[in-house]
N, C-alpha and C. Protein backbone atom coordinates (compact mmCIF):
# COMPACT_ATOMS: atom_id res chain seq x y z
N MET A 1 178.82 -119.59 -38.29
CA MET A 1 180.11 -119.40 -37.66
C MET A 1 179.92 -118.50 -36.45
N GLY A 2 180.59 -118.91 -35.37
CA GLY A 2 180.62 -118.10 -34.18
C GLY A 2 181.95 -117.37 -34.11
N HIS A 3 182.33 -116.99 -32.90
CA HIS A 3 183.56 -116.22 -32.72
C HIS A 3 184.77 -116.96 -33.27
N GLU A 4 185.02 -118.17 -32.82
CA GLU A 4 186.17 -118.93 -33.31
C GLU A 4 185.79 -120.39 -33.59
N SER A 5 184.58 -120.58 -34.11
CA SER A 5 184.15 -121.96 -34.39
C SER A 5 183.08 -121.96 -35.48
N PHE A 6 183.01 -123.09 -36.17
CA PHE A 6 181.89 -123.32 -37.08
C PHE A 6 180.72 -123.82 -36.24
N GLY A 7 179.51 -123.65 -36.72
CA GLY A 7 178.34 -124.12 -36.01
C GLY A 7 178.29 -125.63 -35.90
N ARG A 8 178.97 -126.31 -36.79
CA ARG A 8 179.08 -127.77 -36.75
C ARG A 8 180.47 -128.16 -37.21
N THR A 9 180.92 -129.32 -36.79
CA THR A 9 182.27 -129.75 -37.15
C THR A 9 182.31 -130.56 -38.43
N SER A 10 181.13 -131.03 -38.89
CA SER A 10 181.09 -131.78 -40.14
C SER A 10 179.71 -131.67 -40.77
N ILE A 11 179.70 -131.90 -42.08
CA ILE A 11 178.44 -131.90 -42.82
C ILE A 11 178.59 -132.91 -43.96
N THR A 12 177.51 -133.61 -44.27
CA THR A 12 177.50 -134.54 -45.39
C THR A 12 176.49 -134.03 -46.41
N ILE A 13 176.94 -133.93 -47.65
CA ILE A 13 176.07 -133.44 -48.72
C ILE A 13 176.16 -134.41 -49.90
N PRO A 14 175.13 -134.43 -50.75
CA PRO A 14 175.21 -135.27 -51.94
C PRO A 14 176.07 -134.59 -53.02
N ARG A 15 176.60 -135.38 -53.92
CA ARG A 15 177.32 -134.85 -55.07
C ARG A 15 176.43 -133.83 -55.77
N GLY A 16 176.98 -132.68 -56.12
CA GLY A 16 176.21 -131.61 -56.74
C GLY A 16 175.58 -130.66 -55.73
N GLY A 17 175.79 -130.92 -54.44
CA GLY A 17 175.23 -130.07 -53.39
C GLY A 17 176.11 -128.86 -53.12
N THR A 18 175.62 -127.99 -52.28
CA THR A 18 176.35 -126.79 -51.88
C THR A 18 176.38 -126.70 -50.36
N VAL A 19 177.21 -125.81 -49.85
CA VAL A 19 177.28 -125.54 -48.41
C VAL A 19 177.10 -124.04 -48.24
N THR A 20 176.25 -123.65 -47.30
CA THR A 20 176.05 -122.24 -47.00
C THR A 20 176.68 -121.90 -45.66
N PHE A 21 177.53 -120.89 -45.66
CA PHE A 21 178.18 -120.40 -44.45
C PHE A 21 177.53 -119.07 -44.06
N VAL A 22 177.29 -118.89 -42.77
CA VAL A 22 176.71 -117.64 -42.25
C VAL A 22 177.57 -117.19 -41.08
N ASN A 23 178.01 -115.95 -41.09
CA ASN A 23 178.80 -115.42 -39.98
C ASN A 23 177.86 -114.80 -38.96
N ASN A 24 177.68 -115.49 -37.84
CA ASN A 24 176.82 -115.01 -36.76
C ASN A 24 177.61 -114.30 -35.68
N SER A 25 178.84 -113.93 -35.95
CA SER A 25 179.66 -113.25 -34.95
C SER A 25 180.03 -111.86 -35.46
N ALA A 26 180.65 -111.10 -34.59
CA ALA A 26 181.11 -109.76 -34.96
C ALA A 26 182.54 -109.80 -35.50
N PHE A 27 183.08 -111.00 -35.68
CA PHE A 27 184.47 -111.14 -36.07
C PHE A 27 184.60 -111.51 -37.54
N LEU A 28 185.70 -111.11 -38.13
CA LEU A 28 186.03 -111.41 -39.51
C LEU A 28 186.51 -112.86 -39.62
N HIS A 29 186.10 -113.55 -40.69
CA HIS A 29 186.57 -114.90 -40.98
C HIS A 29 187.00 -114.95 -42.44
N ILE A 30 188.10 -115.65 -42.73
CA ILE A 30 188.54 -115.89 -44.10
C ILE A 30 188.57 -117.41 -44.26
N VAL A 31 187.63 -117.93 -45.04
CA VAL A 31 187.37 -119.36 -45.11
C VAL A 31 187.71 -119.92 -46.49
N GLY A 32 188.28 -121.12 -46.50
CA GLY A 32 188.58 -121.80 -47.74
C GLY A 32 188.99 -123.23 -47.47
N PRO A 33 189.24 -124.01 -48.52
CA PRO A 33 189.68 -125.39 -48.34
C PRO A 33 191.03 -125.43 -47.62
N GLY A 34 191.19 -126.38 -46.74
CA GLY A 34 192.44 -126.54 -45.99
C GLY A 34 192.13 -126.92 -44.56
N ARG A 35 193.15 -126.90 -43.71
CA ARG A 35 192.92 -127.24 -42.31
C ARG A 35 193.89 -126.48 -41.42
N ASP A 36 193.50 -126.36 -40.15
CA ASP A 36 194.34 -125.73 -39.13
C ASP A 36 194.79 -124.32 -39.52
N GLY A 37 193.91 -123.58 -40.16
CA GLY A 37 194.21 -122.20 -40.53
C GLY A 37 195.01 -122.03 -41.81
N ARG A 38 195.38 -123.12 -42.47
CA ARG A 38 196.14 -123.04 -43.72
C ARG A 38 195.23 -123.32 -44.89
N VAL A 39 194.87 -122.28 -45.62
CA VAL A 39 194.01 -122.42 -46.80
C VAL A 39 194.89 -122.82 -47.97
N THR A 40 194.50 -123.90 -48.66
CA THR A 40 195.27 -124.41 -49.79
C THR A 40 194.34 -124.81 -50.92
N ASP A 41 194.89 -125.00 -52.09
CA ASP A 41 194.11 -125.57 -53.19
C ASP A 41 193.89 -127.04 -52.88
N VAL A 42 192.66 -127.48 -52.99
CA VAL A 42 192.32 -128.87 -52.74
C VAL A 42 191.59 -129.39 -53.97
N VAL A 43 192.16 -130.38 -54.63
CA VAL A 43 191.54 -130.96 -55.82
C VAL A 43 190.17 -131.51 -55.43
N GLY A 44 189.14 -131.11 -56.18
CA GLY A 44 187.78 -131.59 -55.95
C GLY A 44 186.92 -130.65 -55.14
N ALA A 45 187.55 -129.73 -54.40
CA ALA A 45 186.78 -128.75 -53.62
C ALA A 45 186.57 -127.50 -54.48
N PRO A 46 185.36 -126.94 -54.47
CA PRO A 46 185.15 -125.73 -55.27
C PRO A 46 185.87 -124.54 -54.65
N ALA A 47 186.35 -123.64 -55.48
CA ALA A 47 186.96 -122.41 -54.99
C ALA A 47 185.88 -121.60 -54.28
N MET A 48 186.26 -120.93 -53.22
CA MET A 48 185.29 -120.15 -52.45
C MET A 48 185.52 -118.67 -52.67
N GLY A 49 185.69 -118.28 -53.91
CA GLY A 49 185.93 -116.89 -54.24
C GLY A 49 187.06 -116.81 -55.25
N SER A 50 187.42 -115.60 -55.63
CA SER A 50 188.42 -115.41 -56.68
C SER A 50 189.79 -115.93 -56.29
N ARG A 51 190.09 -115.99 -55.01
CA ARG A 51 191.39 -116.50 -54.57
C ARG A 51 191.27 -117.85 -53.87
N GLY A 52 190.17 -118.53 -54.08
CA GLY A 52 189.96 -119.82 -53.46
C GLY A 52 189.42 -119.74 -52.06
N LEU A 53 189.13 -118.53 -51.58
CA LEU A 53 188.61 -118.36 -50.24
C LEU A 53 187.58 -117.25 -50.22
N HIS A 54 186.90 -117.12 -49.08
CA HIS A 54 185.87 -116.09 -48.97
C HIS A 54 186.01 -115.38 -47.63
N MET A 55 185.92 -114.05 -47.64
CA MET A 55 186.00 -113.26 -46.43
C MET A 55 184.59 -112.94 -45.93
N PHE A 56 184.35 -113.19 -44.65
CA PHE A 56 183.04 -112.95 -44.05
C PHE A 56 183.13 -111.85 -43.02
N GLN A 57 182.23 -110.89 -43.12
CA GLN A 57 182.07 -109.92 -42.06
C GLN A 57 180.77 -110.26 -41.34
N SER A 58 180.51 -109.61 -40.25
CA SER A 58 179.33 -109.92 -39.45
C SER A 58 178.07 -109.92 -40.30
N GLY A 59 177.29 -110.98 -40.20
CA GLY A 59 176.03 -111.09 -40.92
C GLY A 59 176.13 -111.60 -42.34
N ASP A 60 177.35 -111.75 -42.86
CA ASP A 60 177.51 -112.25 -44.23
C ASP A 60 177.01 -113.68 -44.36
N ARG A 61 176.50 -113.98 -45.55
CA ARG A 61 176.02 -115.32 -45.89
C ARG A 61 176.60 -115.66 -47.26
N TYR A 62 177.12 -116.88 -47.41
CA TYR A 62 177.76 -117.27 -48.66
C TYR A 62 177.46 -118.74 -48.95
N THR A 63 177.03 -119.03 -50.17
CA THR A 63 176.79 -120.40 -50.60
C THR A 63 177.86 -120.76 -51.62
N THR A 64 178.52 -121.89 -51.39
CA THR A 64 179.59 -122.33 -52.28
C THR A 64 179.05 -122.74 -53.64
N ALA A 65 179.96 -122.89 -54.57
CA ALA A 65 179.62 -123.55 -55.83
C ALA A 65 179.35 -125.01 -55.51
N THR A 66 178.91 -125.77 -56.49
CA THR A 66 178.59 -127.17 -56.23
C THR A 66 179.85 -128.00 -55.97
N TRP A 67 179.68 -128.98 -55.11
CA TRP A 67 180.73 -129.94 -54.79
C TRP A 67 180.44 -131.16 -55.66
N ASN A 68 181.25 -131.39 -56.68
CA ASN A 68 180.97 -132.43 -57.67
C ASN A 68 181.81 -133.69 -57.53
N THR A 69 182.82 -133.67 -56.69
CA THR A 69 183.70 -134.83 -56.56
C THR A 69 183.50 -135.48 -55.19
N PRO A 70 182.97 -136.71 -55.17
CA PRO A 70 182.79 -137.39 -53.88
C PRO A 70 184.11 -137.50 -53.12
N GLY A 71 184.03 -137.38 -51.82
CA GLY A 71 185.20 -137.48 -50.96
C GLY A 71 184.99 -136.69 -49.69
N SER A 72 186.05 -136.55 -48.95
CA SER A 72 186.03 -135.83 -47.68
C SER A 72 187.01 -134.66 -47.77
N TYR A 73 186.55 -133.47 -47.42
CA TYR A 73 187.33 -132.25 -47.58
C TYR A 73 187.32 -131.45 -46.29
N ALA A 74 188.43 -130.83 -45.98
CA ALA A 74 188.52 -129.94 -44.83
C ALA A 74 188.34 -128.50 -45.30
N VAL A 75 187.65 -127.70 -44.48
CA VAL A 75 187.47 -126.27 -44.71
C VAL A 75 187.92 -125.58 -43.43
N THR A 76 188.67 -124.49 -43.57
CA THR A 76 189.22 -123.83 -42.39
C THR A 76 189.12 -122.31 -42.50
N CYS A 77 189.39 -121.64 -41.40
CA CYS A 77 189.46 -120.17 -41.36
C CYS A 77 190.92 -119.79 -41.15
N SER A 78 191.46 -118.96 -42.03
CA SER A 78 192.87 -118.61 -41.92
C SER A 78 193.17 -117.70 -40.73
N LEU A 79 192.14 -117.07 -40.17
CA LEU A 79 192.34 -116.20 -39.01
C LEU A 79 192.17 -116.93 -37.69
N HIS A 80 191.49 -118.06 -37.72
CA HIS A 80 191.20 -118.82 -36.50
C HIS A 80 191.56 -120.29 -36.75
N PRO A 81 192.81 -120.68 -36.52
CA PRO A 81 193.29 -122.03 -36.87
C PRO A 81 192.49 -123.17 -36.25
N ASP A 82 191.81 -122.93 -35.13
CA ASP A 82 191.01 -124.01 -34.53
C ASP A 82 189.71 -124.24 -35.28
N MET A 83 189.38 -123.35 -36.22
CA MET A 83 188.15 -123.52 -37.02
C MET A 83 188.45 -124.40 -38.22
N THR A 84 188.14 -125.65 -38.11
CA THR A 84 188.24 -126.57 -39.24
C THR A 84 187.02 -127.47 -39.21
N MET A 85 186.34 -127.61 -40.33
CA MET A 85 185.21 -128.51 -40.42
C MET A 85 185.40 -129.45 -41.60
N ARG A 86 184.70 -130.55 -41.59
CA ARG A 86 184.81 -131.57 -42.62
C ARG A 86 183.54 -131.54 -43.48
N VAL A 87 183.72 -131.49 -44.81
CA VAL A 87 182.62 -131.61 -45.75
C VAL A 87 182.79 -132.96 -46.44
N THR A 88 181.80 -133.83 -46.28
CA THR A 88 181.82 -135.14 -46.93
C THR A 88 180.82 -135.11 -48.06
N VAL A 89 181.28 -135.42 -49.27
CA VAL A 89 180.44 -135.43 -50.46
C VAL A 89 180.21 -136.88 -50.84
N THR A 90 178.94 -137.29 -50.85
CA THR A 90 178.60 -138.67 -51.19
C THR A 90 178.34 -138.79 -52.68
N GLY A 91 178.58 -139.98 -53.22
CA GLY A 91 178.45 -140.20 -54.65
C GLY A 91 177.07 -140.53 -55.05
């Protein structure tokens, strides 16, 4: 993650895979399932922390739980609405 963007806009992983997020900026990010800055519960997406999201400070690295349900999921930052990426889980 950079200042107000993910390093990539999409990623494809196999069922049972994980996604690792790294904050390479000096800015705080609060990331979870959802889009356009609105973090919501998304059926099939793993929770990214105790409240379904994860807070990143500079240099933080976080690997999600496994993604077990094939499909396409949006992940966003609640502080930076333009930060939305797509996670596609293949079966």
